[in-house]
Structure formats: structure tokens, C-alpha cells
Amino acid sequence: MRRLTTSLAIGTVITLSLFGLNVAMASTHSNSDLQKRFAACGSLPNGSLLTVVQTTRLFINLPKEYFPNIKLKIASHGATAGSISNGGAYGHSIGAQGRPNCWSYYLDFELAPNNKTQSGTVDVASKNAFSNLSNYLVHFKVVVNPPDATKRFPGNGTVIGNVFLGPVCPVEHNPPDPACAPRPYETSIGVRSTLTGSSFKDVPTDASGIFTLSLAPGRYLLSVSPATNGSPYPRCTEVRILVVAKKSQKVTVNCDTGIR
């Protein structure tokens, strides 16, 4: 596997030739424009701190007009981030999640072979072509085991969820029969970051079907663990959530019992 190193060039000087004179490129772009281009490219949020489980593979996408011909700079401390050798040409990764006019780098995150601890860090950076705009920098914590989605950290958002089973009666009644109301489902919830693809430890619900999550800001996918007896039921909906720092939200997960 070909690895990236900190010796990669982080920037180039961009000039325009005008009537035989070299004139430095002037920027009329703003950081607001840059944020919109990050979103259009599907870039990981600039300045974010993300946790990934070792062997995680993900794309780093950057807009070409802001980062033309610029290589990524990788700073590693007990972990590594290497380009995938069969993932396509550097900056043109196969299967990339980026858009037209966006570079795509496909990286594999692992702990360093001599690392005896349970975690390491990797910083991925690239210098902006315009001196008045922010450079790109994302911090990664690389861990051995999936992180705990209930562990509280400053700045996390809170998600309180309920899981229900229904229908519980083969025939609907009018007026509704209270005994046929959806029932709480004691199960476990899988949590996956849709930004990094990393999964968290499954979170159990209590007897009332309630679970509580504490998550860093970002987008996540919640899914109920499948039945252990091989049955296709209950069949539960997957729920996508957006977690906002220091904010709380409630979600409901509905599971179809198959009763008709």
C-alpha cells in the first residue's frame, strides 16, 4: 500500500502571465464561498475532530479552484493515513463521493505497527491557494475499538430515542383499542457516522424502548439490531439524524412486527 508522508508538497505559488509580466493571482473569494464549495464537494467539515476505527477508509474531497495541484500534508502520531493503491490516481480516486471540479483522495486509517496504545492521531491538511482564506485541516483520532456513543464530552449533542413495535393486533379497531397500541421494544441500536463510515458500540434500549446518545456534531445513521432467530421481523426503519453541538433532539424508531 502506498503511503503519504509529511514530505509531500503543501503548496504552490500561482501566477498569471500578463503582457510578459508575472502578476500574483488576486482573490475575490470569501470564506463563505469556500464553505459552499466544501459542501458541494462533500468535504469533511474544515477544522473538525473526527474519531475513526482503525482500517476505516474514507474520501478527502477538496475544490480544485481553491486547492489547485496541491498535495495533502499528513501529520501522524501513532497512526497512519495512506492512499489506497488500487483506489485510482492520486486526487482522482475511484468511487469518490466528490463532485465535478473536486479533488478526491481515498485514505486508509490505521494505527502504527509499533503503537502499543489503543489510539493515535492523524492531521490532514492542505494550503489554500488564496492567502486571505482559511487553509484546510481535519483532525482524526484513530482507535482500536468502536467508541461509546453514550460517553459525554463537552460540545456533544444529545439524542433521546424511543423504539416501538407495531402493529400488535391483527385487526385495527375503531375507536382504537389501547391494548393494540404500539409497544416499546427492548433491543439495541447501531450508530454509524455517515461522514466517516465508522461505527460505534451498539447502544441498548431499556424495557421502555428508550435509549440516549451523546454524539459529536455531525450526521449519523441509527439502525436497530436484526432479530437473532433469523426472522425478517421485526423490520425496523433506519433513521438519519443531524446532531448539533449542545442541542438535544428526540427521535422515534418504528419496527414492523409483520402482523396483519
C-alpha atoms as a PDB file:
ATOM      1  CA  MET A   1       0.000   0.000   0.000  1.00  0.00           C
ATOM      2  CA  ARG A   2       1.465   3.410  -0.989  1.00  0.00           C
ATOM      3  CA  ARG A   3       1.642   5.780   1.972  1.00  0.00           C
ATOM      4  CA  LEU A   4       1.511   9.548   2.119  1.00  0.00           C
ATOM      5  CA  THR A   5       4.299  11.307   4.011  1.00  0.00           C
ATOM      6  CA  THR A   6       4.762  14.705   5.569  1.00  0.00           C
ATOM      7  CA  SER A   7       7.338  15.459   2.893  1.00  0.00           C
ATOM      8  CA  LEU A   8       4.592  15.962   0.301  1.00  0.00           C
ATOM      9  CA  ALA A   9       4.446  19.495  -1.035  1.00  0.00           C
ATOM     10  CA  ILE A  10       1.788  21.503   0.736  1.00  0.00           C
ATOM     11  CA  GLY A  11       1.502  24.376  -1.661  1.00  0.00           C
ATOM     12  CA  THR A  12       2.494  26.054  -4.893  1.00  0.00           C
ATOM     13  CA  VAL A  13       2.709  29.697  -5.934  1.00  0.00           C
ATOM     14  CA  ILE A  14       0.130  30.535  -8.581  1.00  0.00           C
ATOM     15  CA  THR A  15       0.862  33.346 -11.031  1.00  0.00           C
ATOM     16  CA  LEU A  16      -0.674  34.760 -14.175  1.00  0.00           C
ATOM     17  CA  SER A  17       1.282  35.888 -17.192  1.00  0.00           C
ATOM     18  CA  LEU A  18       0.012  39.252 -18.447  1.00  0.00           C
ATOM     19  CA  PHE A  19       1.862  41.062 -21.255  1.00  0.00           C
ATOM     20  CA  GLY A  20       5.039  39.241 -20.328  1.00  0.00           C
ATOM     21  CA  LEU A  21       4.783  40.115 -16.645  1.00  0.00           C
ATOM     22  CA  ASN A  22       4.129  37.687 -13.789  1.00  0.00           C
ATOM     23  CA  VAL A  23       1.249  39.001 -11.708  1.00  0.00           C
ATOM     24  CA  ALA A  24       0.215  37.310  -8.440  1.00  0.00           C
ATOM     25  CA  MET A  25      -3.309  35.909  -8.511  1.00  0.00           C
ATOM     26  CA  ALA A  26      -5.712  38.205  -6.725  1.00  0.00           C
ATOM     27  CA  SER A  27      -8.523  36.714  -4.715  1.00  0.00           C
ATOM     28  CA  THR A  28     -12.042  37.993  -4.601  1.00  0.00           C
ATOM     29  CA  HIS A  29     -13.266  34.858  -2.867  1.00  0.00           C
ATOM     30  CA  SER A  30     -14.508  34.714   0.712  1.00  0.00           C
ATOM     31  CA  ASN A  31     -14.509  32.030   3.365  1.00  0.00           C
ATOM     32  CA  SER A  32     -18.279  31.896   2.906  1.00  0.00           C
ATOM     33  CA  ASP A  33     -17.760  30.985  -0.761  1.00  0.00           C
ATOM     34  CA  LEU A  34     -15.203  28.395   0.304  1.00  0.00           C
ATOM     35  CA  GLN A  35     -17.636  26.770   2.745  1.00  0.00           C
ATOM     36  CA  LYS A  36     -20.202  26.452  -0.050  1.00  0.00           C
ATOM     37  CA  ARG A  37     -17.637  24.745  -2.277  1.00  0.00           C
ATOM     38  CA  PHE A  38     -16.663  22.398   0.566  1.00  0.00           C
ATOM     39  CA  ALA A  39     -20.328  21.416   0.849  1.00  0.00           C
ATOM     40  CA  ALA A  40     -20.636  20.940  -2.916  1.00  0.00           C
ATOM     41  CA  CYS A  41     -17.579  18.655  -2.948  1.00  0.00           C
ATOM     42  CA  GLY A  42     -18.782  16.625   0.023  1.00  0.00           C
ATOM     43  CA  SER A  43     -15.716  17.700   2.018  1.00  0.00           C
ATOM     44  CA  LEU A  44     -15.331  16.727   5.644  1.00  0.00           C
ATOM     45  CA  PRO A  45     -16.009  19.865   7.715  1.00  0.00           C
ATOM     46  CA  ASN A  46     -12.927  22.060   7.946  1.00  0.00           C
ATOM     47  CA  GLY A  47     -11.414  22.149  11.430  1.00  0.00           C
ATOM     48  CA  SER A  48     -13.420  19.171  12.701  1.00  0.00           C
ATOM     49  CA  LEU A  49     -12.221  16.468  15.092  1.00  0.00           C
ATOM     50  CA  LEU A  50     -13.398  13.035  13.969  1.00  0.00           C
ATOM     51  CA  THR A  51     -12.961   9.597  15.543  1.00  0.00           C
ATOM     52  CA  VAL A  52     -12.405   6.633  13.219  1.00  0.00           C
ATOM     53  CA  VAL A  53     -11.822   2.957  13.953  1.00  0.00           C
ATOM     54  CA  GLN A  54      -8.600   1.559  12.505  1.00  0.00           C
ATOM     55  CA  THR A  55      -8.927   0.177   8.942  1.00  0.00           C
ATOM     56  CA  THR A  56     -11.555   2.853   8.193  1.00  0.00           C
ATOM     57  CA  ARG A  57     -11.360   4.077   4.611  1.00  0.00           C
ATOM     58  CA  LEU A  58     -12.785   7.406   3.519  1.00  0.00           C
ATOM     59  CA  PHE A  59     -12.502  10.194   0.970  1.00  0.00           C
ATOM     60  CA  ILE A  60     -10.929  13.600   1.461  1.00  0.00           C
ATOM     61  CA  ASN A  61     -12.539  15.883  -1.140  1.00  0.00           C
ATOM     62  CA  LEU A  62     -11.369  19.423  -1.927  1.00  0.00           C
ATOM     63  CA  PRO A  63     -12.479  22.044  -4.508  1.00  0.00           C
ATOM     64  CA  LYS A  64      -9.878  22.372  -7.255  1.00  0.00           C
ATOM     65  CA  GLU A  65     -10.119  26.138  -7.719  1.00  0.00           C
ATOM     66  CA  TYR A  66      -9.157  26.695  -4.079  1.00  0.00           C
ATOM     67  CA  PHE A  67      -6.591  23.885  -3.864  1.00  0.00           C
ATOM     68  CA  PRO A  68      -5.121  23.550  -7.409  1.00  0.00           C
ATOM     69  CA  ASN A  69      -2.438  20.866  -7.757  1.00  0.00           C
ATOM     70  CA  ILE A  70      -1.875  20.863  -4.006  1.00  0.00           C
ATOM     71  CA  LYS A  71      -0.933  17.648  -2.244  1.00  0.00           C
ATOM     72  CA  LEU A  72      -2.256  16.724   1.158  1.00  0.00           C
ATOM     73  CA  LYS A  73       0.060  17.088   4.133  1.00  0.00           C
ATOM     74  CA  ILE A  74      -0.274  14.256   6.646  1.00  0.00           C
ATOM     75  CA  ALA A  75       0.975  14.629  10.234  1.00  0.00           C
ATOM     76  CA  SER A  76       0.873  11.297  12.080  1.00  0.00           C
ATOM     77  CA  HIS A  77       1.267  10.494  15.780  1.00  0.00           C
ATOM     78  CA  GLY A  78       0.887   6.792  16.489  1.00  0.00           C
ATOM     79  CA  ALA A  79      -1.380   6.284  13.476  1.00  0.00           C
ATOM     80  CA  THR A  80      -1.151   6.445   9.686  1.00  0.00           C
ATOM     81  CA  ALA A  81      -3.295   7.596   6.773  1.00  0.00           C
ATOM     82  CA  GLY A  82      -2.219   6.087   3.462  1.00  0.00           C
ATOM     83  CA  SER A  83      -3.659   6.429  -0.021  1.00  0.00           C
ATOM     84  CA  ILE A  84      -5.338   3.278  -1.325  1.00  0.00           C
ATOM     85  CA  SER A  85      -3.053   1.822  -4.010  1.00  0.00           C
ATOM     86  CA  ASN A  86      -5.928   0.496  -6.118  1.00  0.00           C
ATOM     87  CA  GLY A  87      -8.235   3.455  -5.440  1.00  0.00           C
ATOM     88  CA  GLY A  88      -7.302   5.412  -8.555  1.00  0.00           C
ATOM     89  CA  ALA A  89      -4.795   8.112  -9.389  1.00  0.00           C
ATOM     90  CA  TYR A  90      -3.831  10.473  -6.561  1.00  0.00           C
ATOM     91  CA  GLY A  91      -6.517  13.166  -6.433  1.00  0.00           C
ATOM     92  CA  HIS A  92      -8.810  11.198  -8.774  1.00  0.00           C
ATOM     93  CA  SER A  93      -9.942   8.326  -6.568  1.00  0.00           C
ATOM     94  CA  ILE A  94     -12.293   5.700  -7.986  1.00  0.00           C
ATOM     95  CA  GLY A  95     -15.767   5.786  -6.460  1.00  0.00           C
ATOM     96  CA  ALA A  96     -15.169   9.201  -4.953  1.00  0.00           C
ATOM     97  CA  GLN A  97     -18.026  10.975  -3.247  1.00  0.00           C
ATOM     98  CA  GLY A  98     -16.929  14.358  -4.584  1.00  0.00           C
ATOM     99  CA  ARG A  99     -18.415  16.356  -7.432  1.00  0.00           C
ATOM    100  CA  PRO A 100     -17.035  17.793 -10.685  1.00  0.00           C
ATOM    101  CA  ASN A 101     -14.071  20.144 -10.178  1.00  0.00           C
ATOM    102  CA  CYS A 102     -13.205  18.460  -6.885  1.00  0.00           C
ATOM    103  CA  TRP A 103     -10.071  16.514  -5.966  1.00  0.00           C
ATOM    104  CA  SER A 104     -10.675  13.156  -4.255  1.00  0.00           C
ATOM    105  CA  TYR A 105      -8.161  11.352  -2.060  1.00  0.00           C
ATOM    106  CA  TYR A 106      -9.002   7.839  -0.803  1.00  0.00           C
ATOM    107  CA  LEU A 107      -7.246   7.186   2.524  1.00  0.00           C
ATOM    108  CA  ASP A 108      -6.897   4.198   4.834  1.00  0.00           C
ATOM    109  CA  PHE A 109      -6.502   4.942   8.568  1.00  0.00           C
ATOM    110  CA  GLU A 110      -4.575   2.503  10.751  1.00  0.00           C
ATOM    111  CA  LEU A 111      -2.609   2.501  13.976  1.00  0.00           C
ATOM    112  CA  ALA A 112       1.152   2.458  13.516  1.00  0.00           C
ATOM    113  CA  PRO A 113       2.643  -1.077  13.757  1.00  0.00           C
ATOM    114  CA  ASN A 114       4.763  -0.142  16.790  1.00  0.00           C
ATOM    115  CA  ASN A 115       1.906   1.593  18.618  1.00  0.00           C
ATOM    116  CA  LYS A 116       1.178  -0.292  21.850  1.00  0.00           C
ATOM    117  CA  THR A 117      -1.658   2.025  22.908  1.00  0.00           C
ATOM    118  CA  GLN A 118      -5.296   1.991  21.904  1.00  0.00           C
ATOM    119  CA  SER A 119      -5.275   5.187  19.840  1.00  0.00           C
ATOM    120  CA  GLY A 120      -3.298   7.599  17.686  1.00  0.00           C
ATOM    121  CA  THR A 121      -3.875  10.831  15.796  1.00  0.00           C
ATOM    122  CA  VAL A 122      -3.618  11.974  12.194  1.00  0.00           C
ATOM    123  CA  ASP A 123      -3.946  15.546  10.907  1.00  0.00           C
ATOM    124  CA  VAL A 124      -4.808  16.024   7.229  1.00  0.00           C
ATOM    125  CA  ALA A 125      -4.058  19.479   5.840  1.00  0.00           C
ATOM    126  CA  SER A 126      -3.835  21.408   2.598  1.00  0.00           C
ATOM    127  CA  LYS A 127      -2.870  25.028   1.974  1.00  0.00           C
ATOM    128  CA  ASN A 128      -5.374  27.292   0.255  1.00  0.00           C
ATOM    129  CA  ALA A 129      -4.266  28.992  -2.963  1.00  0.00           C
ATOM    130  CA  PHE A 130      -5.674  32.299  -1.726  1.00  0.00           C
ATOM    131  CA  SER A 131      -3.752  33.873   1.139  1.00  0.00           C
ATOM    132  CA  ASN A 132      -6.813  35.566   2.646  1.00  0.00           C
ATOM    133  CA  LEU A 133      -8.750  32.290   3.036  1.00  0.00           C
ATOM    134  CA  SER A 134      -8.602  29.514   5.597  1.00  0.00           C
ATOM    135  CA  ASN A 135      -6.381  26.517   4.991  1.00  0.00           C
ATOM    136  CA  TYR A 136      -7.890  23.047   5.246  1.00  0.00           C
ATOM    137  CA  LEU A 137      -7.230  20.977   8.370  1.00  0.00           C
ATOM    138  CA  VAL A 138      -9.098  17.988   9.792  1.00  0.00           C
ATOM    139  CA  HIS A 139      -8.037  16.115  12.930  1.00  0.00           C
ATOM    140  CA  PHE A 140      -8.596  12.364  13.248  1.00  0.00           C
ATOM    141  CA  LYS A 141      -8.406  10.187  16.340  1.00  0.00           C
ATOM    142  CA  VAL A 142      -7.750   6.595  15.249  1.00  0.00           C
ATOM    143  CA  VAL A 143      -8.864   3.954  17.776  1.00  0.00           C
ATOM    144  CA  VAL A 144      -8.791   0.164  18.074  1.00  0.00           C
ATOM    145  CA  ASN A 145     -12.331  -0.381  19.302  1.00  0.00           C
ATOM    146  CA  PRO A 146     -15.555   1.377  18.300  1.00  0.00           C
ATOM    147  CA  PRO A 147     -16.188   4.438  20.503  1.00  0.00           C
ATOM    148  CA  ASP A 148     -19.007   4.636  23.031  1.00  0.00           C
ATOM    149  CA  ALA A 149     -21.949   6.633  21.673  1.00  0.00           C
ATOM    150  CA  THR A 150     -23.199   7.345  25.212  1.00  0.00           C
ATOM    151  CA  LYS A 151     -19.996   8.854  26.614  1.00  0.00           C
ATOM    152  CA  ARG A 152     -20.496  12.546  27.218  1.00  0.00           C
ATOM    153  CA  PHE A 153     -17.977  15.114  26.022  1.00  0.00           C
ATOM    154  CA  PRO A 154     -18.183  18.940  26.089  1.00  0.00           C
ATOM    155  CA  GLY A 155     -19.765  20.186  22.877  1.00  0.00           C
ATOM    156  CA  ASN A 156     -21.638  16.970  22.123  1.00  0.00           C
ATOM    157  CA  GLY A 157     -25.295  16.909  21.179  1.00  0.00           C
ATOM    158  CA  THR A 158     -27.858  14.658  22.878  1.00  0.00           C
ATOM    159  CA  VAL A 159     -30.288  12.281  21.170  1.00  0.00           C
ATOM    160  CA  ILE A 160     -33.141  10.678  23.111  1.00  0.00           C
ATOM    161  CA  GLY A 161     -34.906   7.916  21.214  1.00  0.00           C
ATOM    162  CA  ASN A 162     -37.873   5.570  21.513  1.00  0.00           C
ATOM    163  CA  VAL A 163     -38.255   2.258  19.696  1.00  0.00           C
ATOM    164  CA  PHE A 164     -41.778   0.909  19.143  1.00  0.00           C
ATOM    165  CA  LEU A 165     -43.227  -2.365  17.796  1.00  0.00           C
ATOM    166  CA  GLY A 166     -46.427  -2.407  15.805  1.00  0.00           C
ATOM    167  CA  PRO A 167     -48.946  -3.495  14.847  1.00  0.00           C
ATOM    168  CA  VAL A 168     -49.547  -5.776  17.810  1.00  0.00           C
ATOM    169  CA  CYS A 169     -53.113  -6.785  16.808  1.00  0.00           C
ATOM    170  CA  PRO A 170     -54.143  -8.377  13.501  1.00  0.00           C
ATOM    171  CA  VAL A 171     -57.188  -6.118  13.125  1.00  0.00           C
ATOM    172  CA  GLU A 172     -57.455  -2.377  13.693  1.00  0.00           C
ATOM    173  CA  HIS A 173     -60.297  -1.215  15.884  1.00  0.00           C
ATOM    174  CA  ASN A 174     -62.364   1.930  15.651  1.00  0.00           C
ATOM    175  CA  PRO A 175     -62.151   3.524  18.111  1.00  0.00           C
ATOM    176  CA  PRO A 176     -58.573   2.316  18.657  1.00  0.00           C
ATOM    177  CA  ASP A 177     -58.118  -0.326  21.312  1.00  0.00           C
ATOM    178  CA  PRO A 178     -55.483   0.808  23.855  1.00  0.00           C
ATOM    179  CA  ALA A 179     -54.329  -2.804  24.107  1.00  0.00           C
ATOM    180  CA  CYS A 180     -53.357  -2.643  20.424  1.00  0.00           C
ATOM    181  CA  ALA A 181     -51.189   0.471  20.727  1.00  0.00           C
ATOM    182  CA  PRO A 182     -47.531   0.142  19.608  1.00  0.00           C
ATOM    183  CA  ARG A 183     -45.365  -1.382  22.311  1.00  0.00           C
ATOM    184  CA  PRO A 184     -41.847  -0.448  23.450  1.00  0.00           C
ATOM    185  CA  TYR A 185     -39.105  -2.649  22.011  1.00  0.00           C
ATOM    186  CA  GLU A 186     -36.155  -3.672  24.174  1.00  0.00           C
ATOM    187  CA  THR A 187     -33.297  -4.126  21.714  1.00  0.00           C
ATOM    188  CA  SER A 188     -30.028  -2.450  20.745  1.00  0.00           C
ATOM    189  CA  ILE A 189     -29.229   0.437  18.419  1.00  0.00           C
ATOM    190  CA  GLY A 190     -26.364   0.604  15.948  1.00  0.00           C
ATOM    191  CA  VAL A 191     -24.846   4.059  15.389  1.00  0.00           C
ATOM    192  CA  ARG A 192     -22.762   4.915  12.335  1.00  0.00           C
ATOM    193  CA  SER A 193     -21.228   8.209  11.265  1.00  0.00           C
ATOM    194  CA  THR A 194     -22.225   8.989   7.686  1.00  0.00           C
ATOM    195  CA  LEU A 195     -19.219  11.342   7.471  1.00  0.00           C
ATOM    196  CA  THR A 196     -16.523   8.793   8.230  1.00  0.00           C
ATOM    197  CA  GLY A 197     -18.356   5.461   7.982  1.00  0.00           C
ATOM    198  CA  SER A 198     -17.091   4.485  11.437  1.00  0.00           C
ATOM    199  CA  SER A 199     -19.463   2.558  13.690  1.00  0.00           C
ATOM    200  CA  PHE A 200     -19.959   2.970  17.429  1.00  0.00           C
ATOM    201  CA  LYS A 201     -20.640   0.344  20.065  1.00  0.00           C
ATOM    202  CA  ASP A 202     -24.251  -0.827  19.967  1.00  0.00           C
ATOM    203  CA  VAL A 203     -26.404   1.010  22.493  1.00  0.00           C
ATOM    204  CA  PRO A 204     -29.089  -0.983  24.371  1.00  0.00           C
ATOM    205  CA  THR A 205     -32.601   0.329  24.904  1.00  0.00           C
ATOM    206  CA  ASP A 206     -34.276  -0.153  28.252  1.00  0.00           C
ATOM    207  CA  ALA A 207     -37.527  -2.050  28.859  1.00  0.00           C
ATOM    208  CA  SER A 208     -39.419   1.072  27.778  1.00  0.00           C
ATOM    209  CA  GLY A 209     -37.614   1.118  24.427  1.00  0.00           C
ATOM    210  CA  ILE A 210     -35.685   4.272  25.358  1.00  0.00           C
ATOM    211  CA  PHE A 211     -32.057   4.993  24.505  1.00  0.00           C
ATOM    212  CA  THR A 212     -29.848   8.065  24.945  1.00  0.00           C
ATOM    213  CA  LEU A 213     -26.875   9.083  22.808  1.00  0.00           C
ATOM    214  CA  SER A 214     -24.161  11.695  23.248  1.00  0.00           C
ATOM    215  CA  LEU A 215     -22.535  12.434  19.888  1.00  0.00           C
ATOM    216  CA  ALA A 216     -20.166  14.949  18.358  1.00  0.00           C
ATOM    217  CA  PRO A 217     -21.804  17.287  15.827  1.00  0.00           C
ATOM    218  CA  GLY A 218     -22.371  15.543  12.508  1.00  0.00           C
ATOM    219  CA  ARG A 219     -24.659  13.225  10.577  1.00  0.00           C
ATOM    220  CA  TYR A 220     -25.421   9.698  11.756  1.00  0.00           C
ATOM    221  CA  LEU A 221     -27.447   6.649  10.788  1.00  0.00           C
ATOM    222  CA  LEU A 222     -29.355   4.752  13.508  1.00  0.00           C
ATOM    223  CA  SER A 223     -30.387   1.141  12.923  1.00  0.00           C
ATOM    224  CA  VAL A 224     -31.992  -1.497  15.137  1.00  0.00           C
ATOM    225  CA  SER A 225     -30.140  -4.787  15.536  1.00  0.00           C
ATOM    226  CA  PRO A 226     -31.771  -7.579  13.497  1.00  0.00           C
ATOM    227  CA  ALA A 227     -33.625 -10.433  15.190  1.00  0.00           C
ATOM    228  CA  THR A 228     -31.332 -13.191  16.435  1.00  0.00           C
ATOM    229  CA  ASN A 229     -33.693 -16.033  15.385  1.00  0.00           C
ATOM    230  CA  GLY A 230     -33.250 -15.394  11.672  1.00  0.00           C
ATOM    231  CA  SER A 231     -36.743 -13.962  11.224  1.00  0.00           C
ATOM    232  CA  PRO A 232     -37.122 -10.961   8.876  1.00  0.00           C
ATOM    233  CA  TYR A 233     -39.352  -9.379  11.520  1.00  0.00           C
ATOM    234  CA  PRO A 234     -39.434  -7.082  13.267  1.00  0.00           C
ATOM    235  CA  ARG A 235     -38.358  -4.902  10.347  1.00  0.00           C
ATOM    236  CA  CYS A 236     -37.253  -1.502  11.617  1.00  0.00           C
ATOM    237  CA  THR A 237     -36.762   1.782   9.827  1.00  0.00           C
ATOM    238  CA  GLU A 238     -33.304   3.330   9.663  1.00  0.00           C
ATOM    239  CA  VAL A 239     -33.193   6.879  10.957  1.00  0.00           C
ATOM    240  CA  ARG A 240     -30.803   9.579   9.759  1.00  0.00           C
ATOM    241  CA  ILE A 241     -30.064  12.356  12.220  1.00  0.00           C
ATOM    242  CA  LEU A 242     -28.121  15.599  12.279  1.00  0.00           C
ATOM    243  CA  VAL A 243     -26.507  16.239  15.654  1.00  0.00           C
ATOM    244  CA  VAL A 244     -25.901  19.874  16.609  1.00  0.00           C
ATOM    245  CA  ALA A 245     -23.440  20.863  19.334  1.00  0.00           C
ATOM    246  CA  LYS A 246     -25.008  21.215  22.799  1.00  0.00           C
ATOM    247  CA  LYS A 247     -28.519  20.663  21.423  1.00  0.00           C
ATOM    248  CA  SER A 248     -30.996  17.902  22.320  1.00  0.00           C
ATOM    249  CA  GLN A 249     -33.423  16.164  19.986  1.00  0.00           C
ATOM    250  CA  LYS A 250     -35.925  13.325  20.152  1.00  0.00           C
ATOM    251  CA  VAL A 251     -36.278  10.556  17.578  1.00  0.00           C
ATOM    252  CA  THR A 252     -38.700   7.667  17.138  1.00  0.00           C
ATOM    253  CA  VAL A 253     -37.786   4.357  15.521  1.00  0.00           C
ATOM    254  CA  ASN A 254     -40.707   2.242  14.334  1.00  0.00           C
ATOM    255  CA  CYS A 255     -40.476  -1.525  13.858  1.00  0.00           C
ATOM    256  CA  ASP A 256     -42.934  -3.555  11.805  1.00  0.00           C
ATOM    257  CA  THR A 257     -43.948  -6.807  13.517  1.00  0.00           C
ATOM    258  CA  GLY A 258     -45.346  -8.316  10.324  1.00  0.00           C
ATOM    259  CA  ILE A 259     -48.712  -8.937  11.976  1.00  0.00           C
ATOM    260  CA  ARG A 260     -51.579  -8.351   9.546  1.00  0.00           C
END
